[in-house]
Every structure is written in C-alpha cells, then in structure tokens.
Amino acid sequence: MPKRSQPPDLLACSTAGDTAQAIAWYEKAAAQGYGYAACNLACIYADGEGVVADSVLAEHYRRLAHQYLTDDAELAELDALVQRKCG
C-alpha cells in the first residue's frame, strides 16, 4: 500500500462530544495506509486520550505505523512513547 501524508489532527479539532468520531476517522485512515493516523492512534491508546488506555491497541497501531512511515526519528519517538506508557 502506498505511503500517505499526514491527515489533520482530528482530536485537536474535536470537542468532548465527538472524540469517538474523530478516533473512528483515524481508524479508517490507518486502515487505508495513512501512517500518521496509525501513529496518532498508537499515541491515543497509549495515553488513554479520550479512550481507556489500551496497550494492545497501542502496540497494534505502532506496528501499523512502522509499515507506512519512513521517518526514523518519528518512529523512534513513537516507539519510546508506547514503551514508556505501555511498558
């Protein structure tokens, strides 16, 4: 699948009432190969941002991000975050 550019930060644009919808859009984008969406989901599930923290989903989306992103610095930062939060 081709690598995709970064989608807008949906959570930053969301209100408390539509956080679930923003996450749903990230999930759809990640499934279509948007690496930054997968990266954002890994962070969301690692931090428990708008959802219950889930280390299994954080790891799933971290791995998915690795399939689509090529920036080693961003991937290293993502890995460190997921490791720190989910240990």
PDB file of N, CA and C in Angstrom:
ATOM      1  N   MET A   1       0.841  -1.173   0.000  1.00  0.00           N
ATOM      2  CA  MET A   1       0.000   0.000   0.000  1.00  0.00           C
ATOM      3  C   MET A   1       0.892   1.244   0.000  1.00  0.00           C
ATOM      4  N   PRO A   2       0.535   2.265  -0.747  1.00  0.00           N
ATOM      5  CA  PRO A   2       1.381   3.464  -0.788  1.00  0.00           C
ATOM      6  C   PRO A   2       1.366   4.225   0.521  1.00  0.00           C
ATOM      7  N   LYS A   3       2.463   4.918   0.777  1.00  0.00           N
ATOM      8  CA  LYS A   3       2.528   5.753   1.976  1.00  0.00           C
ATOM      9  C   LYS A   3       1.682   6.992   1.753  1.00  0.00           C
ATOM     10  N   ARG A   4       1.053   7.466   2.791  1.00  0.00           N
ATOM     11  CA  ARG A   4       0.160   8.616   2.693  1.00  0.00           C
ATOM     12  C   ARG A   4       0.683   9.760   3.542  1.00  0.00           C
ATOM     13  N   SER A   5       0.252  10.959   3.222  1.00  0.00           N
ATOM     14  CA  SER A   5       0.652  12.125   4.001  1.00  0.00           C
ATOM     15  C   SER A   5      -0.146  12.200   5.293  1.00  0.00           C
ATOM     16  N   GLN A   6       0.246  13.113   6.150  1.00  0.00           N
ATOM     17  CA  GLN A   6      -0.382  13.247   7.460  1.00  0.00           C
ATOM     18  C   GLN A   6      -1.773  13.866   7.340  1.00  0.00           C
ATOM     19  N   PRO A   7      -2.794  13.206   7.959  1.00  0.00           N
ATOM     20  CA  PRO A   7      -4.126  13.791   7.972  1.00  0.00           C
ATOM     21  C   PRO A   7      -4.177  14.908   9.016  1.00  0.00           C
ATOM     22  N   PRO A   8      -5.220  15.723   8.999  1.00  0.00           N
ATOM     23  CA  PRO A   8      -5.325  16.763  10.019  1.00  0.00           C
ATOM     24  C   PRO A   8      -5.439  16.141  11.407  1.00  0.00           C
ATOM     25  N   ASP A   9      -5.045  16.878  12.426  1.00  0.00           N
ATOM     26  CA  ASP A   9      -5.144  16.396  13.797  1.00  0.00           C
ATOM     27  C   ASP A   9      -6.608  16.470  14.232  1.00  0.00           C
ATOM     28  N   LEU A  10      -7.299  15.371  14.050  1.00  0.00           N
ATOM     29  CA  LEU A  10      -8.738  15.343  14.303  1.00  0.00           C
ATOM     30  C   LEU A  10      -9.070  15.548  15.772  1.00  0.00           C
ATOM     31  N   LEU A  11      -8.253  15.017  16.672  1.00  0.00           N
ATOM     32  CA  LEU A  11      -8.560  15.171  18.097  1.00  0.00           C
ATOM     33  C   LEU A  11      -8.408  16.614  18.538  1.00  0.00           C
ATOM     34  N   ALA A  12      -7.442  17.319  17.966  1.00  0.00           N
ATOM     35  CA  ALA A  12      -7.265  18.719  18.338  1.00  0.00           C
ATOM     36  C   ALA A  12      -8.462  19.548  17.887  1.00  0.00           C
ATOM     37  N   CYS A  13      -9.108  19.117  16.826  1.00  0.00           N
ATOM     38  CA  CYS A  13     -10.265  19.845  16.295  1.00  0.00           C
ATOM     39  C   CYS A  13     -11.571  19.393  16.930  1.00  0.00           C
ATOM     40  N   SER A  14     -11.533  18.310  17.688  1.00  0.00           N
ATOM     41  CA  SER A  14     -12.772  17.740  18.212  1.00  0.00           C
ATOM     42  C   SER A  14     -13.168  18.369  19.539  1.00  0.00           C
ATOM     43  N   THR A  15     -14.415  18.188  19.867  1.00  0.00           N
ATOM     44  CA  THR A  15     -14.918  18.558  21.183  1.00  0.00           C
ATOM     45  C   THR A  15     -15.165  17.266  21.936  1.00  0.00           C
ATOM     46  N   ALA A  16     -15.490  17.372  23.194  1.00  0.00           N
ATOM     47  CA  ALA A  16     -15.691  16.173  24.015  1.00  0.00           C
ATOM     48  C   ALA A  16     -16.739  15.250  23.408  1.00  0.00           C
ATOM     49  N   GLY A  17     -17.743  15.814  22.757  1.00  0.00           N
ATOM     50  CA  GLY A  17     -18.835  15.005  22.215  1.00  0.00           C
ATOM     51  C   GLY A  17     -18.481  14.205  20.984  1.00  0.00           C
ATOM     52  N   ASP A  18     -17.428  14.602  20.263  1.00  0.00           N
ATOM     53  CA  ASP A  18     -17.139  13.866  19.034  1.00  0.00           C
ATOM     54  C   ASP A  18     -15.749  13.233  19.003  1.00  0.00           C
ATOM     55  N   THR A  19     -15.150  13.036  20.152  1.00  0.00           N
ATOM     56  CA  THR A  19     -13.848  12.372  20.208  1.00  0.00           C
ATOM     57  C   THR A  19     -13.929  10.967  19.631  1.00  0.00           C
ATOM     58  N   ALA A  20     -14.998  10.250  19.945  1.00  0.00           N
ATOM     59  CA  ALA A  20     -15.157   8.892  19.416  1.00  0.00           C
ATOM     60  C   ALA A  20     -15.229   8.915  17.894  1.00  0.00           C
ATOM     61  N   GLN A  21     -15.888   9.916  17.341  1.00  0.00           N
ATOM     62  CA  GLN A  21     -15.985  10.018  15.892  1.00  0.00           C
ATOM     63  C   GLN A  21     -14.613  10.339  15.286  1.00  0.00           C
ATOM     64  N   ALA A  22     -13.849  11.188  15.936  1.00  0.00           N
ATOM     65  CA  ALA A  22     -12.501  11.502  15.458  1.00  0.00           C
ATOM     66  C   ALA A  22     -11.637  10.247  15.448  1.00  0.00           C
ATOM     67  N   ILE A  23     -11.717   9.457  16.504  1.00  0.00           N
ATOM     68  CA  ILE A  23     -10.951   8.213  16.572  1.00  0.00           C
ATOM     69  C   ILE A  23     -11.395   7.258  15.475  1.00  0.00           C
ATOM     70  N   ALA A  24     -12.692   7.198  15.220  1.00  0.00           N
ATOM     71  CA  ALA A  24     -13.207   6.340  14.147  1.00  0.00           C
ATOM     72  C   ALA A  24     -12.629   6.748  12.790  1.00  0.00           C
ATOM     73  N   TRP A  25     -12.506   8.063  12.553  1.00  0.00           N
ATOM     74  CA  TRP A  25     -11.912   8.527  11.294  1.00  0.00           C
ATOM     75  C   TRP A  25     -10.434   8.166  11.228  1.00  0.00           C
ATOM     76  N   TYR A  26      -9.721   8.299  12.336  1.00  0.00           N
ATOM     77  CA  TYR A  26      -8.319   7.882  12.361  1.00  0.00           C
ATOM     78  C   TYR A  26      -8.204   6.397  12.028  1.00  0.00           C
ATOM     79  N   GLU A  27      -9.093   5.585  12.596  1.00  0.00           N
ATOM     80  CA  GLU A  27      -9.054   4.144  12.341  1.00  0.00           C
ATOM     81  C   GLU A  27      -9.277   3.850  10.860  1.00  0.00           C
ATOM     82  N   LYS A  28     -10.215   4.551  10.237  1.00  0.00           N
ATOM     83  CA  LYS A  28     -10.464   4.357   8.801  1.00  0.00           C
ATOM     84  C   LYS A  28      -9.239   4.782   7.990  1.00  0.00           C
ATOM     85  N   ALA A  29      -8.646   5.901   8.361  1.00  0.00           N
ATOM     86  CA  ALA A  29      -7.466   6.393   7.642  1.00  0.00           C
ATOM     87  C   ALA A  29      -6.293   5.429   7.801  1.00  0.00           C
ATOM     88  N   ALA A  30      -6.088   4.922   9.007  1.00  0.00           N
ATOM     89  CA  ALA A  30      -4.993   3.974   9.254  1.00  0.00           C
ATOM     90  C   ALA A  30      -5.186   2.700   8.434  1.00  0.00           C
ATOM     91  N   ALA A  31      -6.414   2.245   8.338  1.00  0.00           N
ATOM     92  CA  ALA A  31      -6.715   1.034   7.570  1.00  0.00           C
ATOM     93  C   ALA A  31      -6.438   1.235   6.076  1.00  0.00           C
ATOM     94  N   GLN A  32      -6.436   2.488   5.626  1.00  0.00           N
ATOM     95  CA  GLN A  32      -6.185   2.790   4.218  1.00  0.00           C
ATOM     96  C   GLN A  32      -4.733   3.173   3.950  1.00  0.00           C
ATOM     97  N   GLY A  33      -3.886   3.039   4.940  1.00  0.00           N
ATOM     98  CA  GLY A  33      -2.465   3.257   4.729  1.00  0.00           C
ATOM     99  C   GLY A  33      -1.922   4.598   5.166  1.00  0.00           C
ATOM    100  N   TYR A  34      -2.691   5.370   5.902  1.00  0.00           N
ATOM    101  CA  TYR A  34      -2.193   6.645   6.409  1.00  0.00           C
ATOM    102  C   TYR A  34      -1.386   6.391   7.679  1.00  0.00           C
ATOM    103  N   GLY A  35      -0.075   6.397   7.528  1.00  0.00           N
ATOM    104  CA  GLY A  35       0.818   6.077   8.638  1.00  0.00           C
ATOM    105  C   GLY A  35       0.682   7.019   9.816  1.00  0.00           C
ATOM    106  N   TYR A  36       0.451   8.307   9.542  1.00  0.00           N
ATOM    107  CA  TYR A  36       0.317   9.256  10.643  1.00  0.00           C
ATOM    108  C   TYR A  36      -0.960   9.010  11.440  1.00  0.00           C
ATOM    109  N   ALA A  37      -1.986   8.513  10.789  1.00  0.00           N
ATOM    110  CA  ALA A  37      -3.210   8.168  11.514  1.00  0.00           C
ATOM    111  C   ALA A  37      -2.921   7.003  12.464  1.00  0.00           C
ATOM    112  N   ALA A  38      -2.183   6.009  11.983  1.00  0.00           N
ATOM    113  CA  ALA A  38      -1.804   4.879  12.837  1.00  0.00           C
ATOM    114  C   ALA A  38      -0.926   5.355  13.988  1.00  0.00           C
ATOM    115  N   CYS A  39      -0.016   6.261  13.691  1.00  0.00           N
ATOM    116  CA  CYS A  39       0.854   6.834  14.719  1.00  0.00           C
ATOM    117  C   CYS A  39       0.022   7.555  15.779  1.00  0.00           C
ATOM    118  N   ASN A  40      -0.921   8.375  15.330  1.00  0.00           N
ATOM    119  CA  ASN A  40      -1.783   9.092  16.262  1.00  0.00           C
ATOM    120  C   ASN A  40      -2.603   8.131  17.109  1.00  0.00           C
ATOM    121  N   LEU A  41      -3.111   7.068  16.503  1.00  0.00           N
ATOM    122  CA  LEU A  41      -3.888   6.092  17.265  1.00  0.00           C
ATOM    123  C   LEU A  41      -3.023   5.382  18.302  1.00  0.00           C
ATOM    124  N   ALA A  42      -1.789   5.072  17.953  1.00  0.00           N
ATOM    125  CA  ALA A  42      -0.879   4.448  18.924  1.00  0.00           C
ATOM    126  C   ALA A  42      -0.717   5.358  20.132  1.00  0.00           C
ATOM    127  N   CYS A  43      -0.542   6.654  19.864  1.00  0.00           N
ATOM    128  CA  CYS A  43      -0.390   7.618  20.960  1.00  0.00           C
ATOM    129  C   CYS A  43      -1.688   7.750  21.766  1.00  0.00           C
ATOM    130  N   ILE A  44      -2.806   7.805  21.083  1.00  0.00           N
ATOM    131  CA  ILE A  44      -4.107   7.929  21.753  1.00  0.00           C
ATOM    132  C   ILE A  44      -4.329   6.755  22.697  1.00  0.00           C
ATOM    133  N   TYR A  45      -4.107   5.537  22.199  1.00  0.00           N
ATOM    134  CA  TYR A  45      -4.350   4.359  23.042  1.00  0.00           C
ATOM    135  C   TYR A  45      -3.279   4.194  24.116  1.00  0.00           C
ATOM    136  N   ALA A  46      -2.065   4.634  23.850  1.00  0.00           N
ATOM    137  CA  ALA A  46      -1.019   4.572  24.876  1.00  0.00           C
ATOM    138  C   ALA A  46      -1.317   5.558  26.005  1.00  0.00           C
ATOM    139  N   ASP A  47      -1.768   6.763  25.643  1.00  0.00           N
ATOM    140  CA  ASP A  47      -2.052   7.814  26.629  1.00  0.00           C
ATOM    141  C   ASP A  47      -3.424   7.693  27.269  1.00  0.00           C
ATOM    142  N   GLY A  48      -4.334   6.970  26.610  1.00  0.00           N
ATOM    143  CA  GLY A  48      -5.712   6.945  27.094  1.00  0.00           C
ATOM    144  C   GLY A  48      -6.401   8.279  26.830  1.00  0.00           C
ATOM    145  N   GLU A  49      -6.070   8.899  25.707  1.00  0.00           N
ATOM    146  CA  GLU A  49      -6.614  10.207  25.349  1.00  0.00           C
ATOM    147  C   GLU A  49      -8.003  10.049  24.727  1.00  0.00           C
ATOM    148  N   GLY A  50      -9.051  10.285  25.532  1.00  0.00           N
ATOM    149  CA  GLY A  50     -10.419  10.152  25.050  1.00  0.00           C
ATOM    150  C   GLY A  50     -10.928   8.722  25.038  1.00  0.00           C
ATOM    151  N   VAL A  51     -10.072   7.783  25.415  1.00  0.00           N
ATOM    152  CA  VAL A  51     -10.425   6.360  25.474  1.00  0.00           C
ATOM    153  C   VAL A  51      -9.743   5.760  26.706  1.00  0.00           C
ATOM    154  N   VAL A  52     -10.128   4.557  27.045  1.00  0.00           N
ATOM    155  CA  VAL A  52      -9.415   3.830  28.095  1.00  0.00           C
ATOM    156  C   VAL A  52      -8.072   3.402  27.495  1.00  0.00           C
ATOM    157  N   ALA A  53      -6.988   3.652  28.201  1.00  0.00           N
ATOM    158  CA  ALA A  53      -5.667   3.257  27.711  1.00  0.00           C
ATOM    159  C   ALA A  53      -5.662   1.763  27.413  1.00  0.00           C
ATOM    160  N   ASP A  54      -5.074   1.395  26.280  1.00  0.00           N
ATOM    161  CA  ASP A  54      -5.074   0.003  25.840  1.00  0.00           C
ATOM    162  C   ASP A  54      -3.721  -0.302  25.207  1.00  0.00           C
ATOM    163  N   SER A  55      -2.886  -1.032  25.924  1.00  0.00           N
ATOM    164  CA  SER A  55      -1.530  -1.303  25.437  1.00  0.00           C
ATOM    165  C   SER A  55      -1.533  -2.212  24.210  1.00  0.00           C
ATOM    166  N   VAL A  56      -2.529  -3.089  24.095  1.00  0.00           N
ATOM    167  CA  VAL A  56      -2.594  -3.987  22.934  1.00  0.00           C
ATOM    168  C   VAL A  56      -2.892  -3.175  21.672  1.00  0.00           C
ATOM    169  N   LEU A  57      -3.866  -2.273  21.737  1.00  0.00           N
ATOM    170  CA  LEU A  57      -4.177  -1.435  20.582  1.00  0.00           C
ATOM    171  C   LEU A  57      -3.046  -0.456  20.290  1.00  0.00           C
ATOM    172  N   ALA A  58      -2.412   0.077  21.323  1.00  0.00           N
ATOM    173  CA  ALA A  58      -1.278   0.972  21.113  1.00  0.00           C
ATOM    174  C   ALA A  58      -0.182   0.250  20.338  1.00  0.00           C
ATOM    175  N   GLU A  59       0.115  -0.976  20.710  1.00  0.00           N
ATOM    176  CA  GLU A  59       1.139  -1.756  20.025  1.00  0.00           C
ATOM    177  C   GLU A  59       0.711  -2.097  18.595  1.00  0.00           C
ATOM    178  N   HIS A  60      -0.558  -2.439  18.407  1.00  0.00           N
ATOM    179  CA  HIS A  60      -1.073  -2.740  17.068  1.00  0.00           C
ATOM    180  C   HIS A  60      -0.865  -1.550  16.133  1.00  0.00           C
ATOM    181  N   TYR A  61      -1.272  -0.367  16.578  1.00  0.00           N
ATOM    182  CA  TYR A  61      -1.147   0.813  15.728  1.00  0.00           C
ATOM    183  C   TYR A  61       0.303   1.271  15.597  1.00  0.00           C
ATOM    184  N   ARG A  62       1.141   1.004  16.603  1.00  0.00           N
ATOM    185  CA  ARG A  62       2.568   1.302  16.487  1.00  0.00           C
ATOM    186  C   ARG A  62       3.175   0.475  15.357  1.00  0.00           C
ATOM    187  N   ARG A  63       2.839  -0.794  15.328  1.00  0.00           N
ATOM    188  CA  ARG A  63       3.360  -1.675  14.272  1.00  0.00           C
ATOM    189  C   ARG A  63       2.843  -1.258  12.900  1.00  0.00           C
ATOM    190  N   LEU A  64       1.574  -0.870  12.843  1.00  0.00           N
ATOM    191  CA  LEU A  64       0.991  -0.421  11.583  1.00  0.00           C
ATOM    192  C   LEU A  64       1.704   0.849  11.095  1.00  0.00           C
ATOM    193  N   ALA A  65       1.981   1.761  12.010  1.00  0.00           N
ATOM    194  CA  ALA A  65       2.697   2.980  11.643  1.00  0.00           C
ATOM    195  C   ALA A  65       4.060   2.643  11.038  1.00  0.00           C
ATOM    196  N   HIS A  66       4.731   1.642  11.588  1.00  0.00           N
ATOM    197  CA  HIS A  66       6.034   1.235  11.071  1.00  0.00           C
ATOM    198  C   HIS A  66       5.934   0.720   9.643  1.00  0.00           C
ATOM    199  N   GLN A  67       4.797   0.175   9.263  1.00  0.00           N
ATOM    200  CA  GLN A  67       4.628  -0.312   7.892  1.00  0.00           C
ATOM    201  C   GLN A  67       4.549   0.825   6.890  1.00  0.00           C
ATOM    202  N   TYR A  68       4.043   1.976   7.311  1.00  0.00           N
ATOM    203  CA  TYR A  68       3.751   3.054   6.371  1.00  0.00           C
ATOM    204  C   TYR A  68       4.661   4.274   6.467  1.00  0.00           C
ATOM    205  N   LEU A  69       5.315   4.479   7.600  1.00  0.00           N
ATOM    206  CA  LEU A  69       6.148   5.671   7.768  1.00  0.00           C
ATOM    207  C   LEU A  69       7.618   5.335   7.543  1.00  0.00           C
ATOM    208  N   THR A  70       8.373   6.308   7.088  1.00  0.00           N
ATOM    209  CA  THR A  70       9.796   6.089   6.830  1.00  0.00           C
ATOM    210  C   THR A  70      10.699   6.991   7.654  1.00  0.00           C
ATOM    211  N   ASP A  71      10.132   7.954   8.353  1.00  0.00           N
ATOM    212  CA  ASP A  71      10.940   8.889   9.135  1.00  0.00           C
ATOM    213  C   ASP A  71      11.406   8.196  10.421  1.00  0.00           C
ATOM    214  N   ASP A  72      12.689   7.849  10.465  1.00  0.00           N
ATOM    215  CA  ASP A  72      13.231   7.108  11.607  1.00  0.00           C
ATOM    216  C   ASP A  72      13.084   7.867  12.918  1.00  0.00           C
ATOM    217  N   ALA A  73      13.237   9.190  12.880  1.00  0.00           N
ATOM    218  CA  ALA A  73      13.125   9.981  14.111  1.00  0.00           C
ATOM    219  C   ALA A  73      11.706   9.929  14.658  1.00  0.00           C
ATOM    220  N   GLU A  74      10.719  10.058  13.789  1.00  0.00           N
ATOM    221  CA  GLU A  74       9.322   9.979  14.245  1.00  0.00           C
ATOM    222  C   GLU A  74       9.005   8.594  14.792  1.00  0.00           C
ATOM    223  N   LEU A  75       9.482   7.568  14.115  1.00  0.00           N
ATOM    224  CA  LEU A  75       9.215   6.198  14.570  1.00  0.00           C
ATOM    225  C   LEU A  75       9.909   5.920  15.897  1.00  0.00           C
ATOM    226  N   ALA A  76      11.106   6.432  16.085  1.00  0.00           N
ATOM    227  CA  ALA A  76      11.810   6.256  17.358  1.00  0.00           C
ATOM    228  C   ALA A  76      11.054   6.949  18.484  1.00  0.00           C
ATOM    229  N   GLU A  77      10.526   8.143  18.195  1.00  0.00           N
ATOM    230  CA  GLU A  77       9.742   8.873  19.201  1.00  0.00           C
ATOM    231  C   GLU A  77       8.471   8.112  19.550  1.00  0.00           C
ATOM    232  N   LEU A  78       7.803   7.578  18.531  1.00  0.00           N
ATOM    233  CA  LEU A  78       6.596   6.780  18.755  1.00  0.00           C
ATOM    234  C   LEU A  78       6.926   5.537  19.584  1.00  0.00           C
ATOM    235  N   ASP A  79       7.980   4.839  19.226  1.00  0.00           N
ATOM    236  CA  ASP A  79       8.374   3.648  19.979  1.00  0.00           C
ATOM    237  C   ASP A  79       8.635   3.968  21.440  1.00  0.00           C
ATOM    238  N   ALA A  80       9.330   5.075  21.681  1.00  0.00           N
ATOM    239  CA  ALA A  80       9.644   5.475  23.065  1.00  0.00           C
ATOM    240  C   ALA A  80       8.376   5.782  23.839  1.00  0.00           C
ATOM    241  N   LEU A  81       7.435   6.476  23.208  1.00  0.00           N
ATOM    242  CA  LEU A  81       6.175   6.816  23.878  1.00  0.00           C
ATOM    243  C   LEU A  81       5.391   5.550  24.247  1.00  0.00           C
ATOM    244  N   VAL A  82       5.236   4.656  23.288  1.00  0.00           N
ATOM    245  CA  VAL A  82       4.465   3.442  23.549  1.00  0.00           C
ATOM    246  C   VAL A  82       5.162   2.598  24.607  1.00  0.00           C
ATOM    247  N   GLN A  83       6.481   2.504  24.541  1.00  0.00           N
ATOM    248  CA  GLN A  83       7.220   1.744  25.554  1.00  0.00           C
ATOM    249  C   GLN A  83       7.061   2.366  26.933  1.00  0.00           C
ATOM    250  N   ARG A  84       7.157   3.683  27.010  1.00  0.00           N
ATOM    251  CA  ARG A  84       7.043   4.379  28.297  1.00  0.00           C
ATOM    252  C   ARG A  84       5.649   4.215  28.878  1.00  0.00           C
ATOM    253  N   LYS A  85       4.624   4.345  28.057  1.00  0.00           N
ATOM    254  CA  LYS A  85       3.251   4.297  28.542  1.00  0.00           C
ATOM    255  C   LYS A  85       2.758   2.880  28.769  1.00  0.00           C
ATOM    256  N   CYS A  86       3.208   1.944  27.911  1.00  0.00           N
ATOM    257  CA  CYS A  86       2.649   0.591  27.941  1.00  0.00           C
ATOM    258  C   CYS A  86       3.626  -0.445  28.474  1.00  0.00           C
ATOM    259  N   GLY A  87       4.898  -0.028  28.585  1.00  0.00           N
ATOM    260  CA  GLY A  87       5.947  -0.839  29.134  1.00  0.00           C
ATOM    261  C   GLY A  87       6.000  -2.222  28.705  1.00  0.00           C
TER     262      GLY A  87
END
